[in-house]
């Protein structure tokens, strides 16, 4: 069985594994890169890495329309539950066997205040192990940290990494992250949405391939990758 990855622009990712559709950080409204409207996407589960508006995005609207369960840290899940959204709270380092696979929340170096200023807990990323034992790491918004090497020891099929700089890792640190993680393939995200995170992604991909031999998939918003 294959897994399908769709990049919707910025940090919004779709993962289709088996019969389950998962959306990560579903920022559509106000996203100048967005390839779809939030009304047009389907989801059984939503994963929210942290509380910032460009990651919480359209979570509430999509969850209420589809009945999807939102998985995030306990603080964000509490905030969403008070808005009538079905949630499953986890915390950094904790994993759970969901119907779509085993999902662990990972460390991230970032902030997490929610759009209304509420406490968004600690930011995180997600390490998904599918029923077919494919391992997909969605780093979330993060700076470089040395324990990425431990995540890489899982044996990653795909790493989805921010490269935009200013708010997250930039190209140099993202290249160092690739070397720590040693995934089979990479999708760069969180770049070129706004002028402050403008990057030459073609140059970065060439550097990664030259220095590591790892495949970099440069998706356009709306593109799909099968792994």
Foldseek 3Di string as FASTA:
>chain_A
DKWKWAFQAFQWIWIDFDPFIEIFQDAAVPQPQGPDHLVPDAGQEYEAQAADCSRCHCVLVRCVVHVHEYEYAPQVQVVSVVVVGHYDHDDAQDWDQDVFFIKHWHAAAAAHQHPVRDHTDHGTWIWGQGPVRATETEGPAHEADQCLLVVLVSAHQEYEEEAQPPRHNHLVRVLVSCVSNVHQEYEYHNAPSDPSRHDDVVVSQVVSCVVPVHYYDYDRNGDMDMD
